[in-house]
């Protein structure tokens, strides 16, 4: 930028977009956690039934990787939201 601050409206618009992205990522995380819980139940059932080779290991690994990636995405979005909050605070302070 050329030294000019963005408008409060522009910052709030970006903040709303990031908030929606966080909500979407949280929904994804809940779905992945539910899937992981379901696979843990299947593993317990396999163990109880004496099944030696679980057919769920590959799917569990994929789900675990997706959960980790999504948590990183949430963390990045939260950092972006924090930066927008700081920018907003700076603009509001300048306008006083």
C-alpha atoms as a PDB file:
ATOM      1  CA  UNK A   1       0.000   0.000   0.000  1.00  0.00           C
ATOM      2  CA  UNK A   2       1.059   3.597  -0.463  1.00  0.00           C
ATOM      3  CA  UNK A   3       0.973   4.441   3.238  1.00  0.00           C
ATOM      4  CA  UNK A   4      -2.803   4.766   3.320  1.00  0.00           C
ATOM      5  CA  UNK A   5      -4.855   2.714   5.723  1.00  0.00           C
ATOM      6  CA  UNK A   6      -7.682   0.615   4.430  1.00  0.00           C
ATOM      7  CA  UNK A   7     -11.191   1.593   5.400  1.00  0.00           C
ATOM      8  CA  UNK A   8     -12.877   0.015   8.397  1.00  0.00           C
ATOM      9  CA  UNK A   9     -15.493  -1.372   6.022  1.00  0.00           C
ATOM     10  CA  UNK A  10     -12.858  -3.143   3.910  1.00  0.00           C
ATOM     11  CA  UNK A  11     -11.200  -4.643   6.983  1.00  0.00           C
ATOM     12  CA  UNK A  12     -14.545  -5.799   8.386  1.00  0.00           C
ATOM     13  CA  UNK A  13     -15.431  -7.354   5.031  1.00  0.00           C
ATOM     14  CA  UNK A  14     -12.163  -9.322   5.032  1.00  0.00           C
ATOM     15  CA  UNK A  15     -12.713 -10.236   8.684  1.00  0.00           C
ATOM     16  CA  UNK A  16     -16.162 -11.616   7.911  1.00  0.00           C
ATOM     17  CA  UNK A  17     -14.743 -13.709   5.057  1.00  0.00           C
ATOM     18  CA  UNK A  18     -12.017 -15.173   7.276  1.00  0.00           C
ATOM     19  CA  UNK A  19     -14.567 -15.859  10.021  1.00  0.00           C
ATOM     20  CA  UNK A  20     -16.695 -17.792   7.512  1.00  0.00           C
ATOM     21  CA  UNK A  21     -13.623 -19.756   6.403  1.00  0.00           C
ATOM     22  CA  UNK A  22     -12.868 -20.628  10.036  1.00  0.00           C
ATOM     23  CA  UNK A  23     -16.449 -21.794  10.542  1.00  0.00           C
ATOM     24  CA  UNK A  24     -16.195 -23.982   7.444  1.00  0.00           C
ATOM     25  CA  UNK A  25     -12.868 -25.440   8.595  1.00  0.00           C
ATOM     26  CA  UNK A  26     -14.317 -26.115  12.058  1.00  0.00           C
ATOM     27  CA  UNK A  27     -17.227 -27.966  10.453  1.00  0.00           C
ATOM     28  CA  UNK A  28     -14.750 -30.044   8.474  1.00  0.00           C
ATOM     29  CA  UNK A  29     -12.770 -30.761  11.648  1.00  0.00           C
ATOM     30  CA  UNK A  30     -15.902 -31.961  13.456  1.00  0.00           C
ATOM     31  CA  UNK A  31     -16.729 -34.275  10.545  1.00  0.00           C
ATOM     32  CA  UNK A  32     -13.178 -35.670  10.513  1.00  0.00           C
ATOM     33  CA  UNK A  33     -13.261 -36.161  14.299  1.00  0.00           C
ATOM     34  CA  UNK A  34     -16.557 -38.043  14.015  1.00  0.00           C
ATOM     35  CA  UNK A  35     -15.072 -40.243  11.316  1.00  0.00           C
ATOM     36  CA  UNK A  36     -12.021 -40.942  13.504  1.00  0.00           C
ATOM     37  CA  UNK A  37     -14.283 -41.866  16.416  1.00  0.00           C
ATOM     38  CA  UNK A  38     -16.250 -44.229  14.209  1.00  0.00           C
ATOM     39  CA  UNK A  39     -13.069 -45.936  13.055  1.00  0.00           C
ATOM     40  CA  UNK A  40     -11.939 -46.316  16.681  1.00  0.00           C
ATOM     41  CA  UNK A  41     -15.214 -48.119  17.422  1.00  0.00           C
ATOM     42  CA  UNK A  42     -14.636 -50.408  14.436  1.00  0.00           C
ATOM     43  CA  UNK A  43     -11.110 -51.128  15.689  1.00  0.00           C
ATOM     44  CA  UNK A  44     -12.468 -52.041  19.124  1.00  0.00           C
ATOM     45  CA  UNK A  45     -14.999 -54.335  17.474  1.00  0.00           C
ATOM     46  CA  UNK A  46     -12.259 -55.958  15.361  1.00  0.00           C
ATOM     47  CA  UNK A  47     -10.166 -56.448  18.490  1.00  0.00           C
ATOM     48  CA  UNK A  48     -13.096 -57.972  20.340  1.00  0.00           C
ATOM     49  CA  UNK A  49     -13.855 -60.247  17.391  1.00  0.00           C
ATOM     50  CA  UNK A  50     -10.212 -61.344  17.121  1.00  0.00           C
ATOM     51  CA  UNK A  51      -9.561 -59.760  13.741  1.00  0.00           C
ATOM     52  CA  UNK A  52      -5.790 -59.487  13.397  1.00  0.00           C
ATOM     53  CA  UNK A  53      -5.458 -57.308  10.295  1.00  0.00           C
ATOM     54  CA  UNK A  54      -7.661 -54.245  10.399  1.00  0.00           C
ATOM     55  CA  UNK A  55      -8.859 -53.005   7.054  1.00  0.00           C
ATOM     56  CA  UNK A  56      -9.221 -49.515   8.507  1.00  0.00           C
ATOM     57  CA  UNK A  57      -5.547 -48.604   8.932  1.00  0.00           C
ATOM     58  CA  UNK A  58      -5.122 -46.891   5.540  1.00  0.00           C
ATOM     59  CA  UNK A  59      -8.339 -44.940   5.958  1.00  0.00           C
ATOM     60  CA  UNK A  60      -7.317 -43.955   9.488  1.00  0.00           C
ATOM     61  CA  UNK A  61      -3.975 -42.687   8.207  1.00  0.00           C
ATOM     62  CA  UNK A  62      -5.701 -40.628   5.504  1.00  0.00           C
ATOM     63  CA  UNK A  63      -8.184 -39.243   8.022  1.00  0.00           C
ATOM     64  CA  UNK A  64      -5.412 -38.406  10.507  1.00  0.00           C
ATOM     65  CA  UNK A  65      -3.489 -36.574   7.784  1.00  0.00           C
ATOM     66  CA  UNK A  66      -6.628 -34.660   6.792  1.00  0.00           C
ATOM     67  CA  UNK A  67      -7.272 -33.725  10.427  1.00  0.00           C
ATOM     68  CA  UNK A  68      -3.701 -32.458  10.841  1.00  0.00           C
ATOM     69  CA  UNK A  69      -3.861 -30.458   7.602  1.00  0.00           C
ATOM     70  CA  UNK A  70      -7.196 -28.961   8.596  1.00  0.00           C
ATOM     71  CA  UNK A  71      -5.892 -27.992  12.042  1.00  0.00           C
ATOM     72  CA  UNK A  72      -2.998 -26.207  10.326  1.00  0.00           C
ATOM     73  CA  UNK A  73      -5.500 -24.426   8.079  1.00  0.00           C
ATOM     74  CA  UNK A  74      -7.524 -23.325  11.123  1.00  0.00           C
ATOM     75  CA  UNK A  75      -4.368 -22.069  12.815  1.00  0.00           C
ATOM     76  CA  UNK A  76      -3.376 -20.078   9.726  1.00  0.00           C
ATOM     77  CA  UNK A  77      -6.859 -18.581   9.457  1.00  0.00           C
ATOM     78  CA  UNK A  78      -6.838 -17.627  13.131  1.00  0.00           C
ATOM     79  CA  UNK A  79      -3.498 -15.846  12.613  1.00  0.00           C
ATOM     80  CA  UNK A  80      -4.989 -14.014   9.641  1.00  0.00           C
ATOM     81  CA  UNK A  81      -7.999 -13.020  11.743  1.00  0.00           C
ATOM     82  CA  UNK A  82      -5.709 -11.763  14.489  1.00  0.00           C
ATOM     83  CA  UNK A  83      -3.780  -9.649  11.974  1.00  0.00           C
ATOM     84  CA  UNK A  84      -7.043  -8.170  10.699  1.00  0.00           C
ATOM     85  CA  UNK A  85      -8.072  -7.363  14.271  1.00  0.00           C
ATOM     86  CA  UNK A  86      -4.766  -5.575  14.816  1.00  0.00           C
ATOM     87  CA  UNK A  87      -5.206  -3.663  11.577  1.00  0.00           C
ATOM     88  CA  UNK A  88      -8.736  -2.715  12.581  1.00  0.00           C
ATOM     89  CA  UNK A  89      -7.563  -1.514  15.983  1.00  0.00           C
ATOM     90  CA  UNK A  90      -4.868   0.615  14.363  1.00  0.00           C
ATOM     91  CA  UNK A  91      -7.326   2.244  11.960  1.00  0.00           C
ATOM     92  CA  UNK A  92      -9.863   2.907  14.721  1.00  0.00           C
ATOM     93  CA  UNK A  93      -7.160   4.426  16.936  1.00  0.00           C
ATOM     94  CA  UNK A  94      -6.035   6.736  14.083  1.00  0.00           C
ATOM     95  CA  UNK A  95      -9.590   7.925  13.475  1.00  0.00           C
ATOM     96  CA  UNK A  96     -10.122   9.036  17.074  1.00  0.00           C
END
